[in-house]
Amino acid sequence: MAESAAKKPGLVERVKRFFRDAKGECKKVVWPTKKQIINNTGIVLVVMCIAAVFVGCLDGIASQLIRLFLMLVS
């Protein structure tokens, strides 16, 4: 008799509980305003551009150093 009380819920019940819990968690989320989204997007784009320039400069320096090294070796 104790076995039936400790029985795990079936797959359908677990899936239902998952979606019910997920829906409840989504109601707790504080979504950003349109102004915050635009501001954050702008910040991301600026940081990406700075990073692209930085990586491009490092690539150019590394290319020149490798080219110089190959000229000295050959």
PDB file of N, CA and C in Angstrom:
ATOM      1  N   MET A   1       0.807  -1.198   0.000  1.00  0.00           N
ATOM      2  CA  MET A   1       0.000   0.000   0.000  1.00  0.00           C
ATOM      3  C   MET A   1       0.851   1.264   0.000  1.00  0.00           C
ATOM      4  N   ALA A   2       1.971   1.237   0.680  1.00  0.00           N
ATOM      5  CA  ALA A   2       2.843   2.405   0.749  1.00  0.00           C
ATOM      6  C   ALA A   2       3.491   2.689  -0.602  1.00  0.00           C
ATOM      7  N   GLU A   3       3.591   1.651  -1.429  1.00  0.00           N
ATOM      8  CA  GLU A   3       4.208   1.826  -2.735  1.00  0.00           C
ATOM      9  C   GLU A   3       3.375   2.730  -3.627  1.00  0.00           C
ATOM     10  N   SER A   4       2.078   2.651  -3.583  1.00  0.00           N
ATOM     11  CA  SER A   4       1.234   3.457  -4.463  1.00  0.00           C
ATOM     12  C   SER A   4       1.273   4.938  -4.078  1.00  0.00           C
ATOM     13  N   ALA A   5       1.479   5.253  -2.790  1.00  0.00           N
ATOM     14  CA  ALA A   5       1.542   6.644  -2.353  1.00  0.00           C
ATOM     15  C   ALA A   5       2.858   7.299  -2.786  1.00  0.00           C
ATOM     16  N   ALA A   6       3.922   6.521  -2.893  1.00  0.00           N
ATOM     17  CA  ALA A   6       5.236   7.056  -3.250  1.00  0.00           C
ATOM     18  C   ALA A   6       5.504   6.963  -4.749  1.00  0.00           C
ATOM     19  N   LYS A   7       4.509   6.577  -5.523  1.00  0.00           N
ATOM     20  CA  LYS A   7       4.680   6.398  -6.962  1.00  0.00           C
ATOM     21  C   LYS A   7       4.905   7.735  -7.649  1.00  0.00           C
ATOM     22  N   LYS A   8       5.875   7.778  -8.582  1.00  0.00           N
ATOM     23  CA  LYS A   8       6.170   8.998  -9.315  1.00  0.00           C
ATOM     24  C   LYS A   8       5.019   9.336 -10.258  1.00  0.00           C
ATOM     25  N   PRO A   9       4.773  10.631 -10.487  1.00  0.00           N
ATOM     26  CA  PRO A   9       3.734  10.988 -11.457  1.00  0.00           C
ATOM     27  C   PRO A   9       4.170  10.585 -12.869  1.00  0.00           C
ATOM     28  N   GLY A  10       3.198  10.358 -13.725  1.00  0.00           N
ATOM     29  CA  GLY A  10       3.484   9.932 -15.086  1.00  0.00           C
ATOM     30  C   GLY A  10       4.085  11.046 -15.928  1.00  0.00           C
ATOM     31  N   LEU A  11       4.469  10.713 -17.125  1.00  0.00           N
ATOM     32  CA  LEU A  11       5.098  11.651 -18.041  1.00  0.00           C
ATOM     33  C   LEU A  11       4.187  12.834 -18.341  1.00  0.00           C
ATOM     34  N   VAL A  12       2.927  12.581 -18.586  1.00  0.00           N
ATOM     35  CA  VAL A  12       1.986  13.647 -18.918  1.00  0.00           C
ATOM     36  C   VAL A  12       1.859  14.636 -17.758  1.00  0.00           C
ATOM     37  N   GLU A  13       1.781  14.124 -16.558  1.00  0.00           N
ATOM     38  CA  GLU A  13       1.662  14.995 -15.381  1.00  0.00           C
ATOM     39  C   GLU A  13       2.917  15.837 -15.183  1.00  0.00           C
ATOM     40  N   ARG A  14       4.082  15.211 -15.414  1.00  0.00           N
ATOM     41  CA  ARG A  14       5.334  15.962 -15.258  1.00  0.00           C
ATOM     42  C   ARG A  14       5.452  17.057 -16.311  1.00  0.00           C
ATOM     43  N   VAL A  15       5.012  16.780 -17.542  1.00  0.00           N
ATOM     44  CA  VAL A  15       5.050  17.787 -18.608  1.00  0.00           C
ATOM     45  C   VAL A  15       4.090  18.927 -18.279  1.00  0.00           C
ATOM     46  N   LYS A  16       2.897  18.583 -17.804  1.00  0.00           N
ATOM     47  CA  LYS A  16       1.926  19.616 -17.417  1.00  0.00           C
ATOM     48  C   LYS A  16       2.490  20.499 -16.310  1.00  0.00           C
ATOM     49  N   ARG A  17       3.118  19.879 -15.310  1.00  0.00           N
ATOM     50  CA  ARG A  17       3.686  20.639 -14.193  1.00  0.00           C
ATOM     51  C   ARG A  17       4.812  21.554 -14.686  1.00  0.00           C
ATOM     52  N   PHE A  18       5.632  21.040 -15.610  1.00  0.00           N
ATOM     53  CA  PHE A  18       6.719  21.844 -16.152  1.00  0.00           C
ATOM     54  C   PHE A  18       6.189  23.110 -16.806  1.00  0.00           C
ATOM     55  N   PHE A  19       5.187  22.970 -17.680  1.00  0.00           N
ATOM     56  CA  PHE A  19       4.654  24.144 -18.371  1.00  0.00           C
ATOM     57  C   PHE A  19       3.915  25.078 -17.414  1.00  0.00           C
ATOM     58  N   ARG A  20       3.260  24.541 -16.429  1.00  0.00           N
ATOM     59  CA  ARG A  20       2.588  25.371 -15.437  1.00  0.00           C
ATOM     60  C   ARG A  20       3.614  26.187 -14.643  1.00  0.00           C
ATOM     61  N   ASP A  21       4.704  25.540 -14.244  1.00  0.00           N
ATOM     62  CA  ASP A  21       5.763  26.238 -13.521  1.00  0.00           C
ATOM     63  C   ASP A  21       6.452  27.270 -14.406  1.00  0.00           C
ATOM     64  N   ALA A  22       6.680  26.918 -15.673  1.00  0.00           N
ATOM     65  CA  ALA A  22       7.321  27.857 -16.600  1.00  0.00           C
ATOM     66  C   ALA A  22       6.454  29.095 -16.798  1.00  0.00           C
ATOM     67  N   LYS A  23       5.147  28.905 -16.917  1.00  0.00           N
ATOM     68  CA  LYS A  23       4.227  30.030 -17.072  1.00  0.00           C
ATOM     69  C   LYS A  23       4.263  30.921 -15.831  1.00  0.00           C
ATOM     70  N   GLY A  24       4.306  30.315 -14.664  1.00  0.00           N
ATOM     71  CA  GLY A  24       4.385  31.083 -13.417  1.00  0.00           C
ATOM     72  C   GLY A  24       5.674  31.876 -13.316  1.00  0.00           C
ATOM     73  N   GLU A  25       6.791  31.289 -13.759  1.00  0.00           N
ATOM     74  CA  GLU A  25       8.077  31.994 -13.717  1.00  0.00           C
ATOM     75  C   GLU A  25       8.086  33.164 -14.699  1.00  0.00           C
ATOM     76  N   CYS A  26       7.470  32.998 -15.859  1.00  0.00           N
ATOM     77  CA  CYS A  26       7.427  34.085 -16.844  1.00  0.00           C
ATOM     78  C   CYS A  26       6.629  35.283 -16.328  1.00  0.00           C
ATOM     79  N   LYS A  27       5.652  35.029 -15.479  1.00  0.00           N
ATOM     80  CA  LYS A  27       4.871  36.130 -14.910  1.00  0.00           C
ATOM     81  C   LYS A  27       5.700  36.946 -13.921  1.00  0.00           C
ATOM     82  N   LYS A  28       6.748  36.341 -13.349  1.00  0.00           N
ATOM     83  CA  LYS A  28       7.595  37.026 -12.380  1.00  0.00           C
ATOM     84  C   LYS A  28       8.662  37.902 -13.046  1.00  0.00           C
ATOM     85  N   VAL A  29       8.894  37.713 -14.338  1.00  0.00           N
ATOM     86  CA  VAL A  29       9.960  38.431 -15.040  1.00  0.00           C
ATOM     87  C   VAL A  29       9.600  39.907 -15.156  1.00  0.00           C
ATOM     88  N   VAL A  30      10.596  40.763 -14.899  1.00  0.00           N
ATOM     89  CA  VAL A  30      10.427  42.201 -15.102  1.00  0.00           C
ATOM     90  C   VAL A  30      11.059  42.523 -16.452  1.00  0.00           C
ATOM     91  N   TRP A  31      10.226  42.780 -17.459  1.00  0.00           N
ATOM     92  CA  TRP A  31      10.710  43.012 -18.806  1.00  0.00           C
ATOM     93  C   TRP A  31      11.218  44.440 -18.933  1.00  0.00           C
ATOM     94  N   PRO A  32      12.301  44.661 -19.701  1.00  0.00           N
ATOM     95  CA  PRO A  32      12.829  46.017 -19.872  1.00  0.00           C
ATOM     96  C   PRO A  32      11.907  46.866 -20.740  1.00  0.00           C
ATOM     97  N   THR A  33      12.021  48.198 -20.548  1.00  0.00           N
ATOM     98  CA  THR A  33      11.218  49.116 -21.361  1.00  0.00           C
ATOM     99  C   THR A  33      11.859  49.262 -22.737  1.00  0.00           C
ATOM    100  N   LYS A  34      11.121  49.870 -23.655  1.00  0.00           N
ATOM    101  CA  LYS A  34      11.634  50.084 -25.005  1.00  0.00           C
ATOM    102  C   LYS A  34      12.879  50.960 -24.965  1.00  0.00           C
ATOM    103  N   LYS A  35      12.878  51.969 -24.107  1.00  0.00           N
ATOM    104  CA  LYS A  35      14.026  52.868 -23.991  1.00  0.00           C
ATOM    105  C   LYS A  35      15.259  52.106 -23.501  1.00  0.00           C
ATOM    106  N   GLN A  36      15.091  51.216 -22.536  1.00  0.00           N
ATOM    107  CA  GLN A  36      16.215  50.423 -22.027  1.00  0.00           C
ATOM    108  C   GLN A  36      16.766  49.495 -23.106  1.00  0.00           C
ATOM    109  N   ILE A  37      15.874  48.910 -23.890  1.00  0.00           N
ATOM    110  CA  ILE A  37      16.308  48.004 -24.964  1.00  0.00           C
ATOM    111  C   ILE A  37      17.127  48.764 -25.996  1.00  0.00           C
ATOM    112  N   ILE A  38      16.642  49.945 -26.400  1.00  0.00           N
ATOM    113  CA  ILE A  38      17.368  50.752 -27.391  1.00  0.00           C
ATOM    114  C   ILE A  38      18.715  51.174 -26.832  1.00  0.00           C
ATOM    115  N   ASN A  39      18.754  51.599 -25.575  1.00  0.00           N
ATOM    116  CA  ASN A  39      20.003  52.018 -24.949  1.00  0.00           C
ATOM    117  C   ASN A  39      20.992  50.860 -24.875  1.00  0.00           C
ATOM    118  N   ASN A  40      20.548  49.714 -24.421  1.00  0.00           N
ATOM    119  CA  ASN A  40      21.428  48.549 -24.308  1.00  0.00           C
ATOM    120  C   ASN A  40      21.921  48.074 -25.675  1.00  0.00           C
ATOM    121  N   THR A  41      21.067  48.140 -26.689  1.00  0.00           N
ATOM    122  CA  THR A  41      21.469  47.758 -28.039  1.00  0.00           C
ATOM    123  C   THR A  41      22.556  48.695 -28.553  1.00  0.00           C
ATOM    124  N   GLY A  42      22.397  49.980 -28.301  1.00  0.00           N
ATOM    125  CA  GLY A  42      23.417  50.948 -28.709  1.00  0.00           C
ATOM    126  C   GLY A  42      24.747  50.685 -28.033  1.00  0.00           C
ATOM    127  N   ILE A  43      24.708  50.385 -26.752  1.00  0.00           N
ATOM    128  CA  ILE A  43      25.940  50.085 -26.015  1.00  0.00           C
ATOM    129  C   ILE A  43      26.622  48.846 -26.606  1.00  0.00           C
ATOM    130  N   VAL A  44      25.857  47.825 -26.896  1.00  0.00           N
ATOM    131  CA  VAL A  44      26.421  46.595 -27.463  1.00  0.00           C
ATOM    132  C   VAL A  44      27.067  46.882 -28.816  1.00  0.00           C
ATOM    133  N   LEU A  45      26.404  47.666 -29.665  1.00  0.00           N
ATOM    134  CA  LEU A  45      26.959  47.968 -30.981  1.00  0.00           C
ATOM    135  C   LEU A  45      28.261  48.756 -30.873  1.00  0.00           C
ATOM    136  N   VAL A  46      28.315  49.733 -29.959  1.00  0.00           N
ATOM    137  CA  VAL A  46      29.530  50.527 -29.777  1.00  0.00           C
ATOM    138  C   VAL A  46      30.677  49.645 -29.282  1.00  0.00           C
ATOM    139  N   VAL A  47      30.409  48.799 -28.304  1.00  0.00           N
ATOM    140  CA  VAL A  47      31.448  47.915 -27.770  1.00  0.00           C
ATOM    141  C   VAL A  47      31.922  46.945 -28.847  1.00  0.00           C
ATOM    142  N   MET A  48      31.009  46.440 -29.673  1.00  0.00           N
ATOM    143  CA  MET A  48      31.397  45.547 -30.763  1.00  0.00           C
ATOM    144  C   MET A  48      32.308  46.253 -31.755  1.00  0.00           C
ATOM    145  N   CYS A  49      32.000  47.494 -32.089  1.00  0.00           N
ATOM    146  CA  CYS A  49      32.843  48.249 -33.022  1.00  0.00           C
ATOM    147  C   CYS A  49      34.227  48.485 -32.437  1.00  0.00           C
ATOM    148  N   ILE A  50      34.296  48.853 -31.170  1.00  0.00           N
ATOM    149  CA  ILE A  50      35.594  49.058 -30.516  1.00  0.00           C
ATOM    150  C   ILE A  50      36.394  47.759 -30.512  1.00  0.00           C
ATOM    151  N   ALA A  51      35.744  46.665 -30.183  1.00  0.00           N
ATOM    152  CA  ALA A  51      36.426  45.366 -30.164  1.00  0.00           C
ATOM    153  C   ALA A  51      36.901  44.980 -31.565  1.00  0.00           C
ATOM    154  N   ALA A  52      36.101  45.270 -32.593  1.00  0.00           N
ATOM    155  CA  ALA A  52      36.491  44.935 -33.962  1.00  0.00           C
ATOM    156  C   ALA A  52      37.730  45.729 -34.376  1.00  0.00           C
ATOM    157  N   VAL A  53      37.772  47.010 -34.035  1.00  0.00           N
ATOM    158  CA  VAL A  53      38.938  47.828 -34.356  1.00  0.00           C
ATOM    159  C   VAL A  53      40.162  47.307 -33.613  1.00  0.00           C
ATOM    160  N   PHE A  54      40.008  46.980 -32.339  1.00  0.00           N
ATOM    161  CA  PHE A  54      41.119  46.472 -31.531  1.00  0.00           C
ATOM    162  C   PHE A  54      41.667  45.175 -32.108  1.00  0.00           C
ATOM    163  N   VAL A  55      40.789  44.232 -32.426  1.00  0.00           N
ATOM    164  CA  VAL A  55      41.223  42.957 -32.989  1.00  0.00           C
ATOM    165  C   VAL A  55      41.841  43.169 -34.368  1.00  0.00           C
ATOM    166  N   GLY A  56      41.285  44.079 -35.158  1.00  0.00           N
ATOM    167  CA  GLY A  56      41.859  44.383 -36.472  1.00  0.00           C
ATOM    168  C   GLY A  56      43.264  44.939 -36.358  1.00  0.00           C
ATOM    169  N   CYS A  57      43.492  45.824 -35.383  1.00  0.00           N
ATOM    170  CA  CYS A  57      44.830  46.371 -35.160  1.00  0.00           C
ATOM    171  C   CYS A  57      45.805  45.274 -34.729  1.00  0.00           C
ATOM    172  N   LEU A  58      45.384  44.416 -33.820  1.00  0.00           N
ATOM    173  CA  LEU A  58      46.242  43.306 -33.408  1.00  0.00           C
ATOM    174  C   LEU A  58      46.565  42.388 -34.581  1.00  0.00           C
ATOM    175  N   ASP A  59      45.596  42.148 -35.442  1.00  0.00           N
ATOM    176  CA  ASP A  59      45.808  41.305 -36.606  1.00  0.00           C
ATOM    177  C   ASP A  59      46.808  41.953 -37.560  1.00  0.00           C
ATOM    178  N   GLY A  60      46.679  43.249 -37.767  1.00  0.00           N
ATOM    179  CA  GLY A  60      47.606  43.957 -38.652  1.00  0.00           C
ATOM    180  C   GLY A  60      49.025  43.934 -38.114  1.00  0.00           C
ATOM    181  N   ILE A  61      49.168  44.150 -36.817  1.00  0.00           N
ATOM    182  CA  ILE A  61      50.493  44.113 -36.195  1.00  0.00           C
ATOM    183  C   ILE A  61      51.085  42.706 -36.291  1.00  0.00           C
ATOM    184  N   ALA A  62      50.290  41.708 -35.993  1.00  0.00           N
ATOM    185  CA  ALA A  62      50.775  40.327 -36.074  1.00  0.00           C
ATOM    186  C   ALA A  62      51.164  39.973 -37.511  1.00  0.00           C
ATOM    187  N   SER A  63      50.400  40.405 -38.486  1.00  0.00           N
ATOM    188  CA  SER A  63      50.719  40.131 -39.899  1.00  0.00           C
ATOM    189  C   SER A  63      52.044  40.769 -40.280  1.00  0.00           C
ATOM    190  N   GLN A  64      52.247  42.005 -39.857  1.00  0.00           N
ATOM    191  CA  GLN A  64      53.500  42.696 -40.177  1.00  0.00           C
ATOM    192  C   GLN A  64      54.688  42.014 -39.503  1.00  0.00           C
ATOM    193  N   LEU A  65      54.530  41.597 -38.258  1.00  0.00           N
ATOM    194  CA  LEU A  65      55.615  40.913 -37.559  1.00  0.00           C
ATOM    195  C   LEU A  65      55.954  39.578 -38.223  1.00  0.00           C
ATOM    196  N   ILE A  66      54.960  38.843 -38.626  1.00  0.00           N
ATOM    197  CA  ILE A  66      55.189  37.556 -39.301  1.00  0.00           C
ATOM    198  C   ILE A  66      55.864  37.794 -40.646  1.00  0.00           C
ATOM    199  N   ARG A  67      55.396  38.798 -41.397  1.00  0.00           N
ATOM    200  CA  ARG A  67      55.996  39.119 -42.695  1.00  0.00           C
ATOM    201  C   ARG A  67      57.467  39.515 -42.513  1.00  0.00           C
ATOM    202  N   LEU A  68      57.754  40.338 -41.503  1.00  0.00           N
ATOM    203  CA  LEU A  68      59.131  40.751 -41.218  1.00  0.00           C
ATOM    204  C   LEU A  68      59.987  39.547 -40.834  1.00  0.00           C
ATOM    205  N   PHE A  69      59.462  38.689 -40.002  1.00  0.00           N
ATOM    206  CA  PHE A  69      60.197  37.491 -39.583  1.00  0.00           C
ATOM    207  C   PHE A  69      60.509  36.598 -40.780  1.00  0.00           C
ATOM    208  N   LEU A  70      59.522  36.406 -41.674  1.00  0.00           N
ATOM    209  CA  LEU A  70      59.742  35.559 -42.851  1.00  0.00           C
ATOM    210  C   LEU A  70      60.765  36.165 -43.805  1.00  0.00           C
ATOM    211  N   MET A  71      60.813  37.497 -43.906  1.00  0.00           N
ATOM    212  CA  MET A  71      61.813  38.149 -44.761  1.00  0.00           C
ATOM    213  C   MET A  71      63.204  37.973 -44.171  1.00  0.00           C
ATOM    214  N   LEU A  72      63.314  38.005 -42.852  1.00  0.00           N
ATOM    215  CA  LEU A  72      64.614  37.840 -42.209  1.00  0.00           C
ATOM    216  C   LEU A  72      65.117  36.401 -42.306  1.00  0.00           C
ATOM    217  N   VAL A  73      64.194  35.456 -42.236  1.00  0.00           N
ATOM    218  CA  VAL A  73      64.558  34.038 -42.263  1.00  0.00           C
ATOM    219  C   VAL A  73      64.955  33.599 -43.658  1.00  0.00           C
ATOM    220  N   SER A  74      64.285  34.088 -44.677  1.00  0.00           N
ATOM    221  CA  SER A  74      64.552  33.593 -46.033  1.00  0.00           C
ATOM    222  C   SER A  74      65.579  34.398 -46.779  1.00  0.00           C
TER     223      SER A  74
END
